[in-house]
Amino acid sequence: MQRFRSSIGLLLGAGLACGAGAASADALVISNWDGYMAPEALDSFLEATGNEAELVLHGTNEEIMGKLIASKGRGYDVVFVSSPFAEVLQHLGLAEQLDHEQIPNLANLYPEATQLEHDPGNHYSVPYTWGSTGLCYRSDLVTGQPDSWHDLLTPSDELQGKTTMLATDRWLLGAGFLAQGYSVNETDPDKLADVRDLLIEAKKGLLAYDDTTFYAKLVSGEALMVHAWDGWCNYGIAENADIQYVIPQEGSDLWVDTMVILKGSENKAAAYEFVNYVLDADNHRWASENILYKVPNQAAMEALDPTLIEQFPNLGMTPNDMMTYEQLRNVGDAQRAYSRMVSEIKAAN
């Protein structure tokens, strides 16, 4: 998730010290997205447990997956990856089969977070954040409230050239799948072709494909409506209260970012202690308070300041609501078709 989420391109095959590769084997090595946990987390972890840890940053899921596949998971202990990638790590035999007795704070999770489709029972992954994807828009500059993915894909005249879409494969295609009433994990060739053609046509009305600055475009008024992850829309809301988030009537995907302990970890005891440390209610709450994403930790969410949910209503979405949306899953060999479709869409005039 995923501050810099990315599509599943490898299915075929700020803390203490940060770098591009694995760190010393003497310390617990954690790979995560930049800014996705508290800056002081590793210092606090050391103080609480006596375990030293080093943070290695990855920009995308593909980046860390490439390193893990090449090294067969050696050199890393805990990795933060989106749930379809956690599935791949399990299929490749790189994910540790979790001993729940070593993670007592799993009891803080919502019941729904223990039955996610990619890993029912949390046998090899622990959810860190979860959320939805929808439309983020300037309510003061857009006529009415958008209520359909087609408001983005076939925009009104006032929105022509004033919309952006997420660029990564799963979310770009997901908007088309949802608009047409298909699965967000669709693999049927005819339906894929239908969505490709829809998105090629939709490109004519876009300002840009944008995964990182779309909320800033809303704040400046350069864009009026954008395709957005809920937490990132909140960054815009924080700067302009006229920005609102809505899930279209056709629904959303359910995305989940996870923590995975590597089977090849040389620091298993410390790795378990780290995951358990993150799941402490006070520690896990940091993510909702600072990166404005929902966490699947019931104890953490129930301790949030109610004014935060008033300001950012999507933080108040219940687990029951989110479980009505289809979770993004590993689509296996169909990823080749996804990648080809996205290349065709982006290359089209």
Protein backbone atom coordinates (compact mmCIF):
# COMPACT_ATOMS: atom_id res chain seq x y z
CA MET A 1 0.00 0.00 0.00
CA GLN A 2 1.51 1.23 0.18
CA ARG A 3 2.57 4.80 0.13
CA PHE A 4 3.95 3.97 -3.30
CA ARG A 5 1.77 1.07 -4.36
CA SER A 6 2.58 -0.67 -7.58
CA SER A 7 1.10 -3.35 -9.80
CA ILE A 8 2.01 -7.01 -9.68
CA GLY A 9 4.69 -7.08 -12.34
CA LEU A 10 6.87 -9.88 -10.94
CA LEU A 11 4.35 -12.66 -10.58
CA LEU A 12 6.14 -14.59 -13.28
CA GLY A 13 8.84 -15.90 -11.72
CA ALA A 14 12.56 6.89 8.01
CA GLY A 15 14.11 4.96 10.80
CA LEU A 16 17.73 4.33 11.67
CA ALA A 17 19.82 3.35 8.65
CA CYS A 18 18.11 3.31 5.27
CA GLY A 19 19.51 2.03 2.00
CA ALA A 20 18.84 0.34 -1.30
CA GLY A 21 19.94 -3.15 -0.31
CA ALA A 22 19.82 -5.51 2.62
CA ALA A 23 21.59 -4.38 5.78
CA SER A 24 23.89 -6.14 8.23
CA ALA A 25 22.86 -9.62 9.38
CA ASP A 26 23.63 -8.53 12.95
CA ALA A 27 20.39 -6.51 13.11
CA LEU A 28 16.80 -7.22 12.18
CA VAL A 29 16.31 -6.05 8.58
CA ILE A 30 12.92 -4.56 7.75
CA SER A 31 11.94 -3.44 4.25
CA ASN A 32 9.10 -0.94 4.00
CA TRP A 33 7.84 2.03 2.00
CA ASP A 34 9.17 5.43 3.00
CA GLY A 35 7.12 7.11 5.73
CA TYR A 36 4.93 4.06 6.33
CA MET A 37 5.78 3.70 10.02
CA ALA A 38 6.79 6.10 12.78
CA PRO A 39 10.25 7.67 12.34
CA GLU A 40 11.13 6.70 15.91
CA ALA A 41 9.68 3.17 15.61
CA LEU A 42 13.00 1.33 15.47
CA ASP A 43 14.45 3.30 18.38
CA SER A 44 11.33 2.50 20.40
CA PHE A 45 11.50 -1.15 19.34
CA LEU A 46 15.10 -1.33 20.55
CA GLU A 47 14.15 0.24 23.87
CA ALA A 48 11.16 -2.08 24.33
CA THR A 49 12.78 -5.36 23.29
CA GLY A 50 16.55 -4.91 23.18
CA ASN A 51 16.55 -5.83 19.46
CA GLU A 52 18.42 -3.66 16.99
CA ALA A 53 16.72 -3.16 13.64
CA GLU A 54 17.59 -1.46 10.39
CA LEU A 55 15.14 -0.10 7.82
CA VAL A 56 15.66 -0.64 4.11
CA LEU A 57 13.32 1.33 1.88
CA HIS A 58 11.60 0.04 -1.23
CA GLY A 59 9.72 2.27 -3.63
CA THR A 60 7.44 -0.37 -5.14
CA ASN A 61 6.25 -3.89 -4.56
CA GLU A 62 8.13 -4.98 -7.66
CA GLU A 63 11.39 -3.59 -6.36
CA ILE A 64 11.41 -5.59 -3.15
CA MET A 65 9.98 -8.68 -4.84
CA GLY A 66 12.82 -8.64 -7.36
CA LYS A 67 15.35 -8.58 -4.55
CA LEU A 68 13.58 -11.30 -2.57
CA ILE A 69 13.27 -13.60 -5.55
CA ALA A 70 16.90 -13.07 -6.55
CA SER A 71 18.17 -13.70 -3.00
CA LYS A 72 15.60 -16.40 -2.19
CA GLY A 73 14.59 -14.18 0.72
CA ARG A 74 18.02 -14.12 2.34
CA GLY A 75 19.19 -10.88 3.95
CA TYR A 76 15.73 -9.70 4.98
CA ASP A 77 13.62 -10.53 8.02
CA VAL A 78 10.31 -8.65 7.74
CA VAL A 79 8.89 -7.11 4.56
CA PHE A 80 5.87 -4.89 4.02
CA VAL A 81 4.12 -5.87 0.78
CA SER A 82 0.61 -5.69 -0.65
CA SER A 83 -1.49 -8.80 -0.18
CA PRO A 84 -1.19 -10.24 -3.73
CA PHE A 85 2.59 -10.13 -3.31
CA ALA A 86 2.30 -11.84 0.05
CA GLU A 87 0.45 -14.60 -1.80
CA VAL A 88 3.35 -14.90 -4.22
CA LEU A 89 5.89 -15.10 -1.40
CA GLN A 90 3.87 -17.94 0.08
CA HIS A 91 3.63 -19.76 -3.26
CA LEU A 92 7.39 -19.42 -3.72
CA GLY A 93 8.05 -20.88 -0.27
CA LEU A 94 9.65 -17.64 0.98
CA ALA A 95 7.10 -16.71 3.66
CA GLU A 96 7.32 -18.03 7.20
CA GLN A 97 4.43 -20.15 8.45
CA LEU A 98 3.45 -17.96 11.40
CA ASP A 99 3.46 -19.20 14.98
CA HIS A 100 0.60 -17.21 16.49
CA GLU A 101 1.78 -17.90 20.02
CA GLN A 102 4.70 -15.58 19.30
CA ILE A 103 2.34 -12.77 18.18
CA PRO A 104 -0.11 -12.31 21.07
CA ASN A 105 -1.14 -8.88 19.79
CA LEU A 106 -2.91 -10.59 16.90
CA ALA A 107 -5.78 -10.50 19.37
CA ASN A 108 -6.05 -6.76 18.64
CA LEU A 109 -7.14 -7.39 15.04
CA TYR A 110 -10.73 -7.09 13.93
CA PRO A 111 -12.26 -10.55 13.35
CA GLU A 112 -12.65 -9.60 9.68
CA ALA A 113 -8.90 -9.01 9.43
CA THR A 114 -8.29 -12.64 10.35
CA GLN A 115 -10.38 -13.92 7.44
CA LEU A 116 -9.03 -12.01 4.46
CA GLU A 117 -9.31 -14.03 1.27
CA HIS A 118 -5.62 -13.99 0.43
CA ASP A 119 -4.72 -15.63 3.77
CA PRO A 120 -7.65 -16.76 5.95
CA GLY A 121 -6.33 -17.27 9.45
CA ASN A 122 -3.21 -15.13 8.90
CA HIS A 123 -0.99 -18.15 8.37
CA TYR A 124 1.79 -16.29 6.52
CA SER A 125 0.93 -12.57 6.59
CA VAL A 126 -0.34 -9.97 9.06
CA PRO A 127 -2.41 -7.05 7.75
CA TYR A 128 -0.92 -3.61 8.47
CA THR A 129 -3.28 -1.22 6.65
CA TRP A 130 -6.36 -1.67 4.49
CA GLY A 131 -8.70 0.50 2.52
CA SER A 132 -10.69 1.32 -0.57
CA THR A 133 -10.26 3.09 -3.90
CA GLY A 134 -12.70 5.68 -5.16
CA LEU A 135 -13.21 9.21 -6.43
CA CYS A 136 -11.70 12.25 -4.73
CA TYR A 137 -13.13 15.54 -5.94
CA ARG A 138 -13.55 19.27 -5.38
CA SER A 139 -17.11 19.58 -4.10
CA ASP A 140 -16.96 23.36 -4.51
CA LEU A 141 -16.05 23.15 -8.19
CA VAL A 142 -17.93 20.04 -9.41
CA THR A 143 -21.65 20.08 -10.09
CA GLY A 144 -23.35 17.46 -7.91
CA GLN A 145 -21.73 14.44 -6.29
CA PRO A 146 -20.12 11.84 -8.59
CA ASP A 147 -21.63 8.42 -7.96
CA SER A 148 -20.29 6.17 -10.72
CA TRP A 149 -16.95 5.10 -12.16
CA HIS A 150 -18.39 6.30 -15.47
CA ASP A 151 -18.26 9.86 -14.09
CA LEU A 152 -14.49 9.41 -14.31
CA LEU A 153 -14.32 7.35 -17.50
CA THR A 154 -16.89 9.33 -19.49
CA PRO A 155 -16.63 12.75 -17.85
CA SER A 156 -19.00 15.66 -18.29
CA ASP A 157 -17.87 18.72 -20.21
CA GLU A 158 -16.84 20.52 -17.01
CA LEU A 159 -14.49 17.64 -16.16
CA GLN A 160 -12.84 17.22 -19.55
CA GLY A 161 -9.09 17.47 -19.07
CA LYS A 162 -9.58 17.89 -15.33
CA THR A 163 -9.37 14.27 -14.14
CA THR A 164 -6.54 11.87 -13.33
CA MET A 165 -6.36 8.09 -13.00
CA LEU A 166 -4.02 5.86 -11.04
CA ALA A 167 -1.26 4.57 -13.28
CA THR A 168 -0.45 1.17 -11.81
CA ASP A 169 -1.94 -1.86 -13.52
CA ARG A 170 -4.27 -3.22 -10.87
CA TRP A 171 -5.92 0.09 -10.04
CA LEU A 172 -6.04 1.52 -13.56
CA LEU A 173 -7.71 -1.64 -14.82
CA GLY A 174 -9.77 -1.94 -11.65
CA ALA A 175 -11.67 1.25 -12.43
CA GLY A 176 -12.67 -0.23 -15.78
CA PHE A 177 -13.54 -3.62 -14.31
CA LEU A 178 -15.77 -2.04 -11.66
CA ALA A 179 -17.43 0.30 -14.16
CA GLN A 180 -18.41 -2.69 -16.28
CA GLY A 181 -19.54 -4.81 -13.34
CA TYR A 182 -16.61 -7.24 -13.63
CA SER A 183 -14.36 -8.75 -10.99
CA VAL A 184 -11.34 -6.66 -9.98
CA ASN A 185 -9.40 -9.89 -10.58
CA GLU A 186 -10.99 -10.48 -14.00
CA THR A 187 -9.22 -12.88 -16.38
CA ASP A 188 -11.82 -13.50 -19.11
CA PRO A 189 -10.19 -12.39 -22.44
CA ASP A 190 -13.37 -10.84 -23.85
CA LYS A 191 -13.96 -8.80 -20.71
CA LEU A 192 -10.32 -7.72 -20.65
CA ALA A 193 -10.64 -6.50 -24.25
CA ASP A 194 -13.82 -4.62 -23.35
CA VAL A 195 -12.10 -2.81 -20.49
CA ARG A 196 -9.02 -2.06 -22.60
CA ASP A 197 -11.20 -0.34 -25.20
CA LEU A 198 -13.13 1.55 -22.51
CA LEU A 199 -9.93 2.86 -20.94
CA ILE A 200 -8.41 3.82 -24.29
CA GLU A 201 -11.48 5.94 -24.93
CA ALA A 202 -11.38 7.35 -21.40
CA LYS A 203 -7.79 8.49 -21.90
CA LYS A 204 -9.05 11.23 -24.25
CA GLY A 205 -10.63 13.09 -21.31
CA LEU A 206 -7.76 12.71 -18.83
CA LEU A 207 -5.36 15.31 -17.53
CA ALA A 208 -2.85 12.63 -16.54
CA TYR A 209 -2.13 9.23 -15.08
CA ASP A 210 -0.88 10.03 -11.59
CA ASP A 211 -0.09 7.87 -8.54
CA THR A 212 1.66 10.40 -6.35
CA THR A 213 0.62 14.05 -6.87
CA PHE A 214 -3.07 13.73 -7.74
CA TYR A 215 -4.27 15.15 -4.41
CA ALA A 216 -2.00 18.19 -4.88
CA LYS A 217 -3.61 18.75 -8.28
CA LEU A 218 -6.98 18.86 -6.53
CA VAL A 219 -5.71 21.34 -3.97
CA SER A 220 -4.39 23.66 -6.70
CA GLY A 221 -7.50 23.28 -8.85
CA GLU A 222 -5.54 21.83 -11.77
CA ALA A 223 -7.73 18.73 -11.40
CA LEU A 224 -11.35 18.60 -10.27
CA MET A 225 -11.77 14.84 -9.77
CA VAL A 226 -9.19 12.11 -9.36
CA HIS A 227 -9.02 8.34 -9.02
CA ALA A 228 -7.63 7.87 -5.51
CA TRP A 229 -6.79 5.57 -2.64
CA ASP A 230 -8.77 6.71 0.38
CA GLY A 231 -5.76 7.59 2.52
CA TRP A 232 -4.19 9.68 -0.22
CA CYS A 233 -7.46 11.56 -0.71
CA ASN A 234 -7.20 12.43 2.97
CA TYR A 235 -3.95 14.27 2.27
CA GLY A 236 -5.94 16.58 0.02
CA ILE A 237 -8.78 16.93 2.52
CA ALA A 238 -6.20 17.98 5.13
CA GLU A 239 -5.32 20.97 2.93
CA ASN A 240 -8.78 21.83 1.57
CA ALA A 241 -12.01 20.88 3.33
CA ASP A 242 -13.94 21.15 0.03
CA ILE A 243 -12.22 17.97 -1.16
CA GLN A 244 -14.40 14.90 -0.60
CA TYR A 245 -14.06 11.15 -1.11
CA VAL A 246 -16.78 8.88 -2.47
CA ILE A 247 -16.94 5.23 -3.42
CA PRO A 248 -18.95 4.86 -6.64
CA GLN A 249 -22.14 2.83 -6.64
CA GLU A 250 -20.40 0.02 -8.56
CA GLY A 251 -18.08 -0.45 -5.58
CA SER A 252 -14.35 -0.53 -4.84
CA ASP A 253 -11.53 -2.97 -4.50
CA LEU A 254 -10.35 -3.90 -1.00
CA TRP A 255 -6.59 -3.41 -0.82
CA VAL A 256 -4.51 -4.73 2.06
CA ASP A 257 -0.87 -4.06 2.93
CA THR A 258 0.77 -6.77 5.00
CA MET A 259 3.80 -7.70 7.07
CA VAL A 260 5.53 -10.96 6.11
CA ILE A 261 8.30 -12.69 8.04
CA LEU A 262 10.72 -14.34 5.62
CA LYS A 263 11.31 -18.06 6.04
CA GLY A 264 15.03 -17.43 5.48
CA SER A 265 15.23 -14.88 8.30
CA GLU A 266 18.25 -15.37 10.58
CA ASN A 267 16.50 -13.32 13.29
CA LYS A 268 13.18 -15.11 13.65
CA ALA A 269 12.65 -14.35 17.34
CA ALA A 270 13.27 -10.64 16.77
CA ALA A 271 11.09 -10.68 13.66
CA TYR A 272 8.18 -12.04 15.66
CA GLU A 273 8.80 -9.45 18.34
CA PHE A 274 8.74 -6.68 15.73
CA VAL A 275 5.42 -7.78 14.22
CA ASN A 276 3.95 -8.06 17.71
CA TYR A 277 5.35 -4.61 18.56
CA VAL A 278 3.64 -3.05 15.52
CA LEU A 279 0.32 -4.65 16.51
CA ASP A 280 0.40 -2.97 19.92
CA ALA A 281 -2.61 -0.65 19.85
CA ASP A 282 -0.63 2.52 20.57
CA ASN A 283 2.03 1.72 17.98
CA HIS A 284 -0.39 0.66 15.25
CA ARG A 285 -2.61 3.69 15.81
CA TRP A 286 0.26 5.87 14.56
CA ALA A 287 -0.53 4.84 10.98
CA SER A 288 -4.09 6.12 11.14
CA GLU A 289 -3.13 9.30 12.95
CA ASN A 290 -0.22 10.17 10.66
CA ILE A 291 -0.64 8.57 7.25
CA LEU A 292 -4.44 8.72 7.53
CA TYR A 293 -5.07 5.11 6.52
CA LYS A 294 -7.32 2.68 8.32
CA VAL A 295 -5.57 -0.08 10.23
CA PRO A 296 -7.17 -3.49 10.86
CA ASN A 297 -6.42 -3.18 14.57
CA GLN A 298 -9.66 -2.84 16.52
CA ALA A 299 -7.98 -1.65 19.69
CA ALA A 300 -6.06 1.02 17.74
CA MET A 301 -9.05 2.28 15.76
CA GLU A 302 -11.31 2.46 18.79
CA ALA A 303 -8.75 4.73 20.47
CA LEU A 304 -8.68 7.25 17.58
CA ASP A 305 -9.69 10.81 18.40
CA PRO A 306 -13.29 11.12 17.07
CA THR A 307 -12.46 14.52 15.58
CA LEU A 308 -10.05 12.77 13.21
CA ILE A 309 -12.90 10.70 11.78
CA GLU A 310 -15.05 13.83 11.54
CA GLN A 311 -12.39 15.48 9.42
CA PHE A 312 -11.63 12.36 7.36
CA PRO A 313 -14.91 10.40 7.15
CA ASN A 314 -13.44 7.46 5.24
CA LEU A 315 -11.42 6.60 8.37
CA GLY A 316 -14.77 5.66 9.91
CA MET A 317 -15.56 2.99 7.33
CA THR A 318 -16.27 -0.23 9.23
CA PRO A 319 -14.58 -3.58 8.56
CA ASN A 320 -18.01 -4.97 7.70
CA ASP A 321 -18.38 -2.28 5.01
CA MET A 322 -14.93 -2.97 3.59
CA MET A 323 -15.48 -6.70 3.44
CA THR A 324 -18.31 -6.08 0.96
CA TYR A 325 -15.64 -5.11 -1.59
CA GLU A 326 -13.63 -7.66 -3.54
CA GLN A 327 -10.04 -8.06 -2.39
CA LEU A 328 -7.24 -7.72 -4.91
CA ARG A 329 -5.70 -11.14 -5.44
CA ASN A 330 -2.82 -12.73 -7.29
CA VAL A 331 -4.04 -13.27 -10.87
CA GLY A 332 -1.11 -15.51 -11.86
CA ASP A 333 -0.39 -15.77 -15.58
CA ALA A 334 -3.15 -13.23 -16.36
CA GLN A 335 -0.73 -10.55 -15.19
CA ARG A 336 0.92 -10.82 -18.60
CA ALA A 337 -2.37 -9.77 -20.18
CA TYR A 338 -2.79 -6.98 -17.62
CA SER A 339 0.65 -5.57 -18.38
CA ARG A 340 0.05 -5.78 -22.12
CA MET A 341 -3.32 -4.04 -21.79
CA VAL A 342 -1.90 -1.19 -19.76
CA SER A 343 0.90 -0.70 -22.29
CA GLU A 344 -1.67 -0.57 -25.08
CA ILE A 345 -3.85 1.90 -23.15
CA LYS A 346 -0.97 4.25 -22.37
CA ALA A 347 0.42 4.08 -25.92
CA ALA A 348 -2.92 4.87 -27.55
CA ASN A 349 -3.52 8.31 -29.03
